Amino acid sequence: MTTVIEVKNLTKRYRDTLAADDVSFSIEKDTIYGLLGRNGAGKTTVMSILTAQNFATSGEVRIFGENPYENAHVLSRMCFVRESQKYPDDATPRHAFRIARLFYPHWDQELADQLIDEFQVPMKKTIKKLSRGQLSAVGVVIGLASRAEITFFDEPYLGLDAVARQIFYDRLLEDYSRHPRTIILSSHLIDEVSNLLERVIVIDKGRIIMDEETDAVRGRAANIVGDTAAVDAFVAGREVIHRESLGRVSSVTILGELTAEDLSLLTRAGLDVAPVSLQQLIVRTTQHAGRTAGDAERAASDIDEGALR
């Protein structure tokens, strides 16, 4: 595989806020990535730095082996569809598409016209008067029709209804299969986009907590459900990332693939096992990471207090 983005020790600080904390990862050519995490986790900050719309406090970014800042050769090969994209007050979608056609060398007008029709984009209405969904549709059209070698979608479907979101997913896959390129999709609707993603990068509080192929991630966890005593006996010594109890019944999410012996033990113990969706796994992993970090901070605080006594 060919690496098109290389990030090393990237840090971004806003006064007292650490938006990106020593982040390192690589992005391969012709792959669909999910950049996932909670709101405020640092996803948009990272994408803004990669597309030279923000500056890192420290660290190194290379796109196609080059620094992207003030580099027209690199920037013309990327498209960043962001949730808060700004346009001139009098701009219409027609203006936005005309400018995009001039900027992106691989722009496909036929695809743009198809998408404009499917999303029912009002071409003559000023962008500032568009609904949230219509504004998202403008971004989706530009992101797909640009056919840029690297395309970033930052929550591209805000305001789109379920039908419009499905159109986006379908057209993205259709065009990607005909014209492979690198796509980085930031989303909080993880289950909806999970079938699109070939690899996931999960960022939490500015740090990467997961960077794996999607198929490998899906088998990383399982929900064990049944009598609390039996569940506790089975999960003893395993990494538990979530627990819920109601009366004498517990549901516990554990990390690690289950072996044939594990499945046999579960059957003998009368316990049920259920797969964990990608969204559940990421949510539980993020919560677990937060609790683990909190425990470490409290332990460090206890040590500091003890040293002062």
C-alpha atoms as a PDB file:
ATOM      1  CA  MET A   1       0.000   0.000   0.000  1.00  0.00           C
ATOM      2  CA  THR A   2       1.050   3.582  -0.682  1.00  0.00           C
ATOM      3  CA  THR A   3       0.959   6.055   2.189  1.00  0.00           C
ATOM      4  CA  VAL A   4      -0.567   9.398   1.178  1.00  0.00           C
ATOM      5  CA  ILE A   5      -0.754  11.023   4.634  1.00  0.00           C
ATOM      6  CA  GLU A   6       1.837  10.705   7.371  1.00  0.00           C
ATOM      7  CA  VAL A   7       1.272  12.353  10.764  1.00  0.00           C
ATOM      8  CA  LYS A   8       3.963  12.272  13.462  1.00  0.00           C
ATOM      9  CA  ASN A   9       3.621  13.596  17.013  1.00  0.00           C
ATOM     10  CA  LEU A  10       0.982  16.151  16.033  1.00  0.00           C
ATOM     11  CA  THR A  11      -0.028  18.471  18.882  1.00  0.00           C
ATOM     12  CA  LYS A  12      -2.446  21.397  18.832  1.00  0.00           C
ATOM     13  CA  ARG A  13      -3.031  23.539  21.878  1.00  0.00           C
ATOM     14  CA  TYR A  14      -5.621  26.306  22.281  1.00  0.00           C
ATOM     15  CA  ARG A  15      -4.570  28.107  25.474  1.00  0.00           C
ATOM     16  CA  ASP A  16      -5.574  25.612  28.166  1.00  0.00           C
ATOM     17  CA  THR A  17      -7.163  23.090  25.767  1.00  0.00           C
ATOM     18  CA  LEU A  18      -5.166  20.282  24.167  1.00  0.00           C
ATOM     19  CA  ALA A  19      -7.151  19.528  20.984  1.00  0.00           C
ATOM     20  CA  ALA A  20      -4.573  17.102  19.576  1.00  0.00           C
ATOM     21  CA  ASP A  21      -2.141  15.379  21.916  1.00  0.00           C
ATOM     22  CA  ASP A  22       0.961  13.841  20.305  1.00  0.00           C
ATOM     23  CA  VAL A  23      -1.082  12.190  17.525  1.00  0.00           C
ATOM     24  CA  SER A  24       0.635   9.849  15.051  1.00  0.00           C
ATOM     25  CA  PHE A  25      -0.988   7.841  12.250  1.00  0.00           C
ATOM     26  CA  SER A  26      -0.792   7.163   8.517  1.00  0.00           C
ATOM     27  CA  ILE A  27      -3.428   7.080   5.778  1.00  0.00           C
ATOM     28  CA  GLU A  28      -3.131   4.707   2.832  1.00  0.00           C
ATOM     29  CA  LYS A  29      -4.083   5.371  -0.770  1.00  0.00           C
ATOM     30  CA  ASP A  30      -7.507   4.307  -2.117  1.00  0.00           C
ATOM     31  CA  THR A  31      -9.059   3.421   1.251  1.00  0.00           C
ATOM     32  CA  ILE A  32     -12.168   4.640   3.076  1.00  0.00           C
ATOM     33  CA  TYR A  33     -11.346   5.649   6.644  1.00  0.00           C
ATOM     34  CA  GLY A  34     -13.627   6.526   9.495  1.00  0.00           C
ATOM     35  CA  LEU A  35     -12.262   9.241  11.780  1.00  0.00           C
ATOM     36  CA  LEU A  36     -14.528   8.679  14.733  1.00  0.00           C
ATOM     37  CA  GLY A  37     -15.008  10.067  18.212  1.00  0.00           C
ATOM     38  CA  ARG A  38     -17.194  12.249  20.392  1.00  0.00           C
ATOM     39  CA  ASN A  39     -17.914  15.890  19.652  1.00  0.00           C
ATOM     40  CA  GLY A  40     -14.884  17.912  20.739  1.00  0.00           C
ATOM     41  CA  ALA A  41     -12.569  14.888  20.592  1.00  0.00           C
ATOM     42  CA  GLY A  42     -10.251  16.619  18.118  1.00  0.00           C
ATOM     43  CA  LYS A  43     -11.427  15.211  14.762  1.00  0.00           C
ATOM     44  CA  THR A  44     -12.089  18.547  13.041  1.00  0.00           C
ATOM     45  CA  THR A  45      -8.871  20.015  14.423  1.00  0.00           C
ATOM     46  CA  VAL A  46      -6.836  17.174  12.929  1.00  0.00           C
ATOM     47  CA  MET A  47      -8.559  17.437   9.539  1.00  0.00           C
ATOM     48  CA  SER A  48      -8.124  21.216   9.494  1.00  0.00           C
ATOM     49  CA  ILE A  49      -4.393  20.838  10.087  1.00  0.00           C
ATOM     50  CA  LEU A  50      -4.069  18.149   7.408  1.00  0.00           C
ATOM     51  CA  THR A  51      -5.752  20.433   4.879  1.00  0.00           C
ATOM     52  CA  ALA A  52      -3.632  23.457   5.877  1.00  0.00           C
ATOM     53  CA  GLN A  53      -6.602  25.373   7.298  1.00  0.00           C
ATOM     54  CA  ASN A  54      -5.046  25.366  10.757  1.00  0.00           C
ATOM     55  CA  PHE A  55      -1.558  25.238  12.219  1.00  0.00           C
ATOM     56  CA  ALA A  56      -0.111  22.606  14.514  1.00  0.00           C
ATOM     57  CA  THR A  57       1.582  23.657  17.734  1.00  0.00           C
ATOM     58  CA  SER A  58       4.165  20.956  17.090  1.00  0.00           C
ATOM     59  CA  GLY A  59       4.627  17.780  15.099  1.00  0.00           C
ATOM     60  CA  GLU A  60       4.954  16.909  11.434  1.00  0.00           C
ATOM     61  CA  VAL A  61       2.393  16.451   8.635  1.00  0.00           C
ATOM     62  CA  ARG A  62       3.234  15.140   5.175  1.00  0.00           C
ATOM     63  CA  ILE A  63       0.685  14.836   2.351  1.00  0.00           C
ATOM     64  CA  PHE A  64       1.986  13.002  -0.718  1.00  0.00           C
ATOM     65  CA  GLY A  65       5.366  13.348   0.983  1.00  0.00           C
ATOM     66  CA  GLU A  66       5.182  17.149   1.146  1.00  0.00           C
ATOM     67  CA  ASN A  67       4.240  19.865   3.613  1.00  0.00           C
ATOM     68  CA  PRO A  68       0.700  20.983   2.654  1.00  0.00           C
ATOM     69  CA  TYR A  69       1.004  24.606   3.822  1.00  0.00           C
ATOM     70  CA  GLU A  70       0.868  27.106   0.958  1.00  0.00           C
ATOM     71  CA  ASN A  71       1.483  24.166  -1.377  1.00  0.00           C
ATOM     72  CA  ALA A  72      -0.893  24.450  -4.337  1.00  0.00           C
ATOM     73  CA  HIS A  73       0.342  21.170  -5.804  1.00  0.00           C
ATOM     74  CA  VAL A  74      -0.857  19.323  -2.688  1.00  0.00           C
ATOM     75  CA  LEU A  75      -3.947  21.359  -1.848  1.00  0.00           C
ATOM     76  CA  SER A  76      -5.465  20.984  -5.336  1.00  0.00           C
ATOM     77  CA  ARG A  77      -5.397  17.203  -4.817  1.00  0.00           C
ATOM     78  CA  MET A  78      -7.484  17.380  -1.615  1.00  0.00           C
ATOM     79  CA  CYS A  79     -11.096  18.318  -0.886  1.00  0.00           C
ATOM     80  CA  PHE A  80     -12.296  19.186   2.623  1.00  0.00           C
ATOM     81  CA  VAL A  81     -16.082  19.196   3.090  1.00  0.00           C
ATOM     82  CA  ARG A  82     -16.553  20.708   6.512  1.00  0.00           C
ATOM     83  CA  GLU A  83     -19.669  21.157   8.593  1.00  0.00           C
ATOM     84  CA  SER A  84     -19.057  24.899   9.082  1.00  0.00           C
ATOM     85  CA  GLN A  85     -18.053  25.829   5.523  1.00  0.00           C
ATOM     86  CA  LYS A  86     -18.462  29.567   4.866  1.00  0.00           C
ATOM     87  CA  TYR A  87     -19.541  31.218   1.600  1.00  0.00           C
ATOM     88  CA  PRO A  88     -19.959  34.855   0.502  1.00  0.00           C
ATOM     89  CA  ASP A  89     -23.351  36.312   1.485  1.00  0.00           C
ATOM     90  CA  ASP A  90     -24.578  36.524  -2.102  1.00  0.00           C
ATOM     91  CA  ALA A  91     -23.237  33.128  -3.216  1.00  0.00           C
ATOM     92  CA  THR A  92     -25.629  30.500  -4.575  1.00  0.00           C
ATOM     93  CA  PRO A  93     -25.016  26.767  -5.042  1.00  0.00           C
ATOM     94  CA  ARG A  94     -24.453  27.495  -8.730  1.00  0.00           C
ATOM     95  CA  HIS A  95     -21.547  29.794  -7.784  1.00  0.00           C
ATOM     96  CA  ALA A  96     -20.105  27.221  -5.373  1.00  0.00           C
ATOM     97  CA  PHE A  97     -20.164  24.445  -7.984  1.00  0.00           C
ATOM     98  CA  ARG A  98     -18.688  26.705 -10.665  1.00  0.00           C
ATOM     99  CA  ILE A  99     -15.738  27.595  -8.422  1.00  0.00           C
ATOM    100  CA  ALA A 100     -15.258  23.934  -7.451  1.00  0.00           C
ATOM    101  CA  ARG A 101     -15.194  22.950 -11.124  1.00  0.00           C
ATOM    102  CA  LEU A 102     -12.344  25.410 -11.692  1.00  0.00           C
ATOM    103  CA  PHE A 103     -10.361  24.353  -8.623  1.00  0.00           C
ATOM    104  CA  TYR A 104     -10.543  20.535  -8.788  1.00  0.00           C
ATOM    105  CA  PRO A 105      -8.808  19.050 -11.848  1.00  0.00           C
ATOM    106  CA  HIS A 106     -10.835  15.811 -11.741  1.00  0.00           C
ATOM    107  CA  TRP A 107     -14.240  17.489 -11.355  1.00  0.00           C
ATOM    108  CA  ASP A 108     -17.060  15.452 -12.950  1.00  0.00           C
ATOM    109  CA  GLN A 109     -19.897  17.705 -14.057  1.00  0.00           C
ATOM    110  CA  GLU A 110     -22.141  14.823 -15.075  1.00  0.00           C
ATOM    111  CA  LEU A 111     -21.930  13.360 -11.573  1.00  0.00           C
ATOM    112  CA  ALA A 112     -22.495  16.821 -10.072  1.00  0.00           C
ATOM    113  CA  ASP A 113     -25.670  17.290 -12.150  1.00  0.00           C
ATOM    114  CA  GLN A 114     -26.946  13.870 -11.091  1.00  0.00           C
ATOM    115  CA  LEU A 115     -26.359  14.630  -7.412  1.00  0.00           C
ATOM    116  CA  ILE A 116     -27.888  18.108  -7.668  1.00  0.00           C
ATOM    117  CA  ASP A 117     -31.038  16.488  -9.028  1.00  0.00           C
ATOM    118  CA  GLU A 118     -31.131  13.690  -6.459  1.00  0.00           C
ATOM    119  CA  PHE A 119     -30.592  16.026  -3.509  1.00  0.00           C
ATOM    120  CA  GLN A 120     -32.941  18.637  -5.022  1.00  0.00           C
ATOM    121  CA  VAL A 121     -30.444  21.457  -4.475  1.00  0.00           C
ATOM    122  CA  PRO A 122     -32.067  24.893  -5.107  1.00  0.00           C
ATOM    123  CA  MET A 123     -29.468  26.339  -7.460  1.00  0.00           C
ATOM    124  CA  LYS A 124     -30.618  29.973  -7.501  1.00  0.00           C
ATOM    125  CA  LYS A 125     -31.237  30.404  -3.778  1.00  0.00           C
ATOM    126  CA  THR A 126     -28.478  32.116  -1.807  1.00  0.00           C
ATOM    127  CA  ILE A 127     -26.526  29.687   0.322  1.00  0.00           C
ATOM    128  CA  LYS A 128     -27.101  31.714   3.499  1.00  0.00           C
ATOM    129  CA  LYS A 129     -30.839  31.047   3.081  1.00  0.00           C
ATOM    130  CA  LEU A 130     -30.496  27.302   2.594  1.00  0.00           C
ATOM    131  CA  SER A 131     -31.712  24.886   5.239  1.00  0.00           C
ATOM    132  CA  ARG A 132     -29.172  22.855   7.193  1.00  0.00           C
ATOM    133  CA  GLY A 133     -29.875  19.828   5.009  1.00  0.00           C
ATOM    134  CA  GLN A 134     -29.603  21.784   1.759  1.00  0.00           C
ATOM    135  CA  LEU A 135     -26.257  23.244   2.854  1.00  0.00           C
ATOM    136  CA  SER A 136     -25.027  19.716   3.633  1.00  0.00           C
ATOM    137  CA  ALA A 137     -26.170  18.603   0.184  1.00  0.00           C
ATOM    138  CA  VAL A 138     -24.034  21.322  -1.424  1.00  0.00           C
ATOM    139  CA  GLY A 139     -20.999  19.981   0.429  1.00  0.00           C
ATOM    140  CA  VAL A 140     -21.767  16.378  -0.502  1.00  0.00           C
ATOM    141  CA  VAL A 141     -22.050  17.293  -4.200  1.00  0.00           C
ATOM    142  CA  ILE A 142     -18.680  19.082  -4.103  1.00  0.00           C
ATOM    143  CA  GLY A 143     -17.002  16.293  -2.142  1.00  0.00           C
ATOM    144  CA  LEU A 144     -18.122  13.534  -4.491  1.00  0.00           C
ATOM    145  CA  ALA A 145     -17.959  15.364  -7.836  1.00  0.00           C
ATOM    146  CA  SER A 146     -14.483  16.761  -7.092  1.00  0.00           C
ATOM    147  CA  ARG A 147     -13.053  13.251  -7.294  1.00  0.00           C
ATOM    148  CA  ALA A 148     -10.073  14.590  -5.369  1.00  0.00           C
ATOM    149  CA  GLU A 149      -7.329  12.095  -4.573  1.00  0.00           C
ATOM    150  CA  ILE A 150      -8.012  12.690  -0.866  1.00  0.00           C
ATOM    151  CA  THR A 151     -11.477  13.785   0.291  1.00  0.00           C
ATOM    152  CA  PHE A 152     -12.370  14.701   3.877  1.00  0.00           C
ATOM    153  CA  PHE A 153     -16.036  14.649   4.910  1.00  0.00           C
ATOM    154  CA  ASP A 154     -16.591  16.271   8.316  1.00  0.00           C
ATOM    155  CA  GLU A 155     -20.117  15.300   9.452  1.00  0.00           C
ATOM    156  CA  PRO A 156     -21.318  15.775   5.855  1.00  0.00           C
ATOM    157  CA  TYR A 157     -24.980  14.939   6.349  1.00  0.00           C
ATOM    158  CA  LEU A 158     -26.148  17.229   9.165  1.00  0.00           C
ATOM    159  CA  GLY A 159     -29.779  18.068   8.464  1.00  0.00           C
ATOM    160  CA  LEU A 160     -30.172  15.402   5.775  1.00  0.00           C
ATOM    161  CA  ASP A 161     -33.107  13.062   6.289  1.00  0.00           C
ATOM    162  CA  ALA A 162     -32.683   9.275   6.248  1.00  0.00           C
ATOM    163  CA  VAL A 163     -33.433   9.026   2.526  1.00  0.00           C
ATOM    164  CA  ALA A 164     -30.890  11.712   1.608  1.00  0.00           C
ATOM    165  CA  ARG A 165     -28.253  10.124   3.857  1.00  0.00           C
ATOM    166  CA  GLN A 166     -28.769   6.769   2.148  1.00  0.00           C
ATOM    167  CA  ILE A 167     -28.394   8.444  -1.256  1.00  0.00           C
ATOM    168  CA  PHE A 168     -25.073   9.861  -0.062  1.00  0.00           C
ATOM    169  CA  TYR A 169     -23.827   6.471   1.145  1.00  0.00           C
ATOM    170  CA  ASP A 170     -24.932   4.723  -2.051  1.00  0.00           C
ATOM    171  CA  ARG A 171     -23.391   7.306  -4.386  1.00  0.00           C
ATOM    172  CA  LEU A 172     -20.161   7.401  -2.390  1.00  0.00           C
ATOM    173  CA  LEU A 173     -19.714   3.627  -2.712  1.00  0.00           C
ATOM    174  CA  GLU A 174     -20.752   3.578  -6.366  1.00  0.00           C
ATOM    175  CA  ASP A 175     -18.317   6.302  -7.372  1.00  0.00           C
ATOM    176  CA  TYR A 176     -15.539   4.983  -5.130  1.00  0.00           C
ATOM    177  CA  SER A 177     -15.781   1.577  -6.838  1.00  0.00           C
ATOM    178  CA  ARG A 178     -15.373   3.230 -10.254  1.00  0.00           C
ATOM    179  CA  HIS A 179     -12.857   5.865  -9.200  1.00  0.00           C
ATOM    180  CA  PRO A 180     -10.939   4.711  -6.094  1.00  0.00           C
ATOM    181  CA  ARG A 181      -9.439   7.438  -3.944  1.00  0.00           C
ATOM    182  CA  THR A 182      -8.720   8.085  -0.284  1.00  0.00           C
ATOM    183  CA  ILE A 183     -11.766   9.145   1.728  1.00  0.00           C
ATOM    184  CA  ILE A 184     -11.727  10.191   5.391  1.00  0.00           C
ATOM    185  CA  LEU A 185     -15.230  10.288   6.829  1.00  0.00           C
ATOM    186  CA  SER A 186     -15.845  11.903  10.213  1.00  0.00           C
ATOM    187  CA  SER A 187     -19.162  10.853  11.722  1.00  0.00           C
ATOM    188  CA  HIS A 188     -21.109  10.303  14.921  1.00  0.00           C
ATOM    189  CA  LEU A 189     -23.642   8.043  13.107  1.00  0.00           C
ATOM    190  CA  ILE A 190     -21.205   5.162  13.361  1.00  0.00           C
ATOM    191  CA  ASP A 191     -23.595   2.273  12.705  1.00  0.00           C
ATOM    192  CA  GLU A 192     -24.929   3.997   9.577  1.00  0.00           C
ATOM    193  CA  VAL A 193     -21.472   4.395   8.034  1.00  0.00           C
ATOM    194  CA  SER A 194     -19.851   1.225   9.399  1.00  0.00           C
ATOM    195  CA  ASN A 195     -20.406  -0.751   6.191  1.00  0.00           C
ATOM    196  CA  LEU A 196     -18.574   1.945   4.219  1.00  0.00           C
ATOM    197  CA  LEU A 197     -15.428   1.937   6.310  1.00  0.00           C
ATOM    198  CA  GLU A 198     -12.367  -0.161   5.603  1.00  0.00           C
ATOM    199  CA  ARG A 199     -10.378   1.208   8.536  1.00  0.00           C
ATOM    200  CA  VAL A 200     -11.272   3.183  11.651  1.00  0.00           C
ATOM    201  CA  ILE A 201      -9.250   5.727  13.604  1.00  0.00           C
ATOM    202  CA  VAL A 202     -10.853   6.656  16.910  1.00  0.00           C
ATOM    203  CA  ILE A 203      -9.767   9.842  18.630  1.00  0.00           C
ATOM    204  CA  ASP A 204     -10.722  10.705  22.210  1.00  0.00           C
ATOM    205  CA  LYS A 205      -9.664  13.840  24.077  1.00  0.00           C
ATOM    206  CA  GLY A 206      -7.073  14.557  21.410  1.00  0.00           C
ATOM    207  CA  ARG A 207      -5.482  11.095  21.459  1.00  0.00           C
ATOM    208  CA  ILE A 208      -5.718   8.097  19.142  1.00  0.00           C
ATOM    209  CA  ILE A 209      -7.215   5.155  21.041  1.00  0.00           C
ATOM    210  CA  MET A 210      -7.891   2.878  18.061  1.00  0.00           C
ATOM    211  CA  ASP A 211      -6.385   2.542  14.574  1.00  0.00           C
ATOM    212  CA  GLU A 212      -7.395  -0.748  12.975  1.00  0.00           C
ATOM    213  CA  GLU A 213      -9.072  -2.398  10.024  1.00  0.00           C
ATOM    214  CA  THR A 214     -12.842  -2.438  10.475  1.00  0.00           C
ATOM    215  CA  ASP A 215     -13.186  -6.208  10.088  1.00  0.00           C
ATOM    216  CA  ALA A 216     -10.636  -6.768  12.836  1.00  0.00           C
ATOM    217  CA  VAL A 217     -12.399  -4.317  15.150  1.00  0.00           C
ATOM    218  CA  ARG A 218     -15.776  -6.055  14.805  1.00  0.00           C
ATOM    219  CA  GLY A 219     -14.455  -9.233  16.389  1.00  0.00           C
ATOM    220  CA  ARG A 220     -12.708  -7.514  19.291  1.00  0.00           C
ATOM    221  CA  ALA A 221     -15.559  -7.559  21.799  1.00  0.00           C
ATOM    222  CA  ALA A 222     -18.640  -9.462  22.916  1.00  0.00           C
ATOM    223  CA  ASN A 223     -21.599  -8.941  25.241  1.00  0.00           C
ATOM    224  CA  ILE A 224     -22.068 -11.662  27.859  1.00  0.00           C
ATOM    225  CA  VAL A 225     -25.584 -11.769  29.351  1.00  0.00           C
ATOM    226  CA  GLY A 226     -27.076 -13.894  32.115  1.00  0.00           C
ATOM    227  CA  ASP A 227     -27.037 -14.626  35.840  1.00  0.00           C
ATOM    228  CA  THR A 228     -24.732 -12.121  37.520  1.00  0.00           C
ATOM    229  CA  ALA A 229     -22.722 -14.728  39.429  1.00  0.00           C
ATOM    230  CA  ALA A 230     -22.149 -16.811  36.306  1.00  0.00           C
ATOM    231  CA  VAL A 231     -21.236 -13.735  34.259  1.00  0.00           C
ATOM    232  CA  ASP A 232     -18.783 -12.558  36.906  1.00  0.00           C
ATOM    233  CA  ALA A 233     -17.156 -16.008  37.008  1.00  0.00           C
ATOM    234  CA  PHE A 234     -16.719 -16.050  33.221  1.00  0.00           C
ATOM    235  CA  VAL A 235     -15.328 -12.520  32.846  1.00  0.00           C
ATOM    236  CA  ALA A 236     -12.904 -12.800  35.762  1.00  0.00           C
ATOM    237  CA  GLY A 237      -9.442 -11.889  34.513  1.00  0.00           C
ATOM    238  CA  ARG A 238     -10.760 -10.457  31.226  1.00  0.00           C
ATOM    239  CA  GLU A 239     -10.826  -6.795  30.224  1.00  0.00           C
ATOM    240  CA  VAL A 240     -14.312  -5.462  30.951  1.00  0.00           C
ATOM    241  CA  ILE A 241     -15.192  -2.203  29.200  1.00  0.00           C
ATOM    242  CA  HIS A 242     -18.865  -1.941  30.214  1.00  0.00           C
ATOM    243  CA  ARG A 243     -21.260  -3.449  32.721  1.00  0.00           C
ATOM    244  CA  GLU A 244     -25.016  -3.174  33.264  1.00  0.00           C
ATOM    245  CA  SER A 245     -27.093  -5.013  35.874  1.00  0.00           C
ATOM    246  CA  LEU A 246     -30.795  -5.384  36.549  1.00  0.00           C
ATOM    247  CA  GLY A 247     -31.688  -7.535  39.495  1.00  0.00           C
ATOM    248  CA  ARG A 248     -29.814 -10.830  39.181  1.00  0.00           C
ATOM    249  CA  VAL A 249     -29.091 -10.366  35.469  1.00  0.00           C
ATOM    250  CA  SER A 250     -25.964  -8.668  34.138  1.00  0.00           C
ATOM    251  CA  SER A 251     -24.752  -7.659  30.693  1.00  0.00           C
ATOM    252  CA  VAL A 252     -20.993  -7.258  30.435  1.00  0.00           C
ATOM    253  CA  THR A 253     -18.955  -6.165  27.428  1.00  0.00           C
ATOM    254  CA  ILE A 254     -15.493  -7.704  27.263  1.00  0.00           C
ATOM    255  CA  LEU A 255     -12.565  -7.157  24.923  1.00  0.00           C
ATOM    256  CA  GLY A 256     -10.956 -10.094  23.163  1.00  0.00           C
ATOM    257  CA  GLU A 257     -12.082 -12.729  20.683  1.00  0.00           C
ATOM    258  CA  LEU A 258     -13.946 -15.720  22.093  1.00  0.00           C
ATOM    259  CA  THR A 259     -12.410 -19.134  21.482  1.00  0.00           C
ATOM    260  CA  ALA A 260     -14.297 -22.389  20.884  1.00  0.00           C
ATOM    261  CA  GLU A 261     -13.559 -23.287  24.510  1.00  0.00           C
ATOM    262  CA  ASP A 262     -15.028 -19.954  25.656  1.00  0.00           C
ATOM    263  CA  LEU A 263     -18.212 -20.594  23.692  1.00  0.00           C
ATOM    264  CA  SER A 264     -18.486 -24.048  25.221  1.00  0.00           C
ATOM    265  CA  LEU A 265     -18.080 -22.591  28.731  1.00  0.00           C
ATOM    266  CA  LEU A 266     -20.780 -20.010  28.017  1.00  0.00           C
ATOM    267  CA  THR A 267     -23.199 -22.711  26.876  1.00  0.00           C
ATOM    268  CA  ARG A 268     -22.585 -24.853  29.968  1.00  0.00           C
ATOM    269  CA  ALA A 269     -23.043 -21.798  32.201  1.00  0.00           C
ATOM    270  CA  GLY A 270     -26.347 -20.888  30.534  1.00  0.00           C
ATOM    271  CA  LEU A 271     -25.025 -17.524  29.370  1.00  0.00           C
ATOM    272  CA  ASP A 272     -25.918 -15.729  26.160  1.00  0.00           C
ATOM    273  CA  VAL A 273     -23.336 -14.075  23.940  1.00  0.00           C
ATOM    274  CA  ALA A 274     -24.112 -11.302  21.472  1.00  0.00           C
ATOM    275  CA  PRO A 275     -21.905  -9.411  19.014  1.00  0.00           C
ATOM    276  CA  VAL A 276     -21.018  -5.799  19.679  1.00  0.00           C
ATOM    277  CA  SER A 277     -21.745  -3.305  16.910  1.00  0.00           C
ATOM    278  CA  LEU A 278     -18.989  -0.973  15.773  1.00  0.00           C
ATOM    279  CA  GLN A 279     -20.809   1.952  17.383  1.00  0.00           C
ATOM    280  CA  GLN A 280     -21.226   0.106  20.694  1.00  0.00           C
ATOM    281  CA  LEU A 281     -17.579  -0.912  20.694  1.00  0.00           C
ATOM    282  CA  ILE A 282     -16.335   2.604  20.049  1.00  0.00           C
ATOM    283  CA  VAL A 283     -18.697   4.132  22.605  1.00  0.00           C
ATOM    284  CA  ARG A 284     -17.721   1.557  25.236  1.00  0.00           C
ATOM    285  CA  THR A 285     -14.016   1.848  24.430  1.00  0.00           C
ATOM    286  CA  THR A 286     -14.178   5.639  24.683  1.00  0.00           C
ATOM    287  CA  GLN A 287     -16.011   5.437  28.014  1.00  0.00           C
ATOM    288  CA  HIS A 288     -13.517   2.857  29.283  1.00  0.00           C
ATOM    289  CA  ALA A 289     -10.560   4.990  28.201  1.00  0.00           C
ATOM    290  CA  GLY A 290     -12.086   7.960  30.019  1.00  0.00           C
ATOM    291  CA  ARG A 291     -12.559   5.975  33.212  1.00  0.00           C
ATOM    292  CA  THR A 292      -9.042   4.538  32.997  1.00  0.00           C
ATOM    293  CA  ALA A 293      -7.552   8.002  32.525  1.00  0.00           C
ATOM    294  CA  GLY A 294      -9.630   9.290  35.436  1.00  0.00           C
ATOM    295  CA  ASP A 295      -8.386   6.482  37.674  1.00  0.00           C
ATOM    296  CA  ALA A 296      -4.783   7.262  36.701  1.00  0.00           C
ATOM    297  CA  GLU A 297      -5.268  10.959  37.449  1.00  0.00           C
ATOM    298  CA  ARG A 298      -6.830  10.190  40.821  1.00  0.00           C
ATOM    299  CA  ALA A 299      -3.985   7.793  41.646  1.00  0.00           C
ATOM    300  CA  ALA A 300      -1.398  10.414  40.704  1.00  0.00           C
ATOM    301  CA  SER A 301      -3.236  12.948  42.823  1.00  0.00           C
ATOM    302  CA  ASP A 302      -3.254  10.547  45.801  1.00  0.00           C
ATOM    303  CA  ILE A 303       0.492  10.028  45.384  1.00  0.00           C
ATOM    304  CA  ASP A 304       1.118  13.773  45.242  1.00  0.00           C
ATOM    305  CA  GLU A 305      -1.010  14.349  48.326  1.00  0.00           C
ATOM    306  CA  GLY A 306       0.787  11.556  50.167  1.00  0.00           C
ATOM    307  CA  ALA A 307       4.154  13.048  49.285  1.00  0.00           C
ATOM    308  CA  LEU A 308       3.036  16.374  50.776  1.00  0.00           C
ATOM    309  CA  ARG A 309       1.996  14.908  54.096  1.00  0.00           C
END
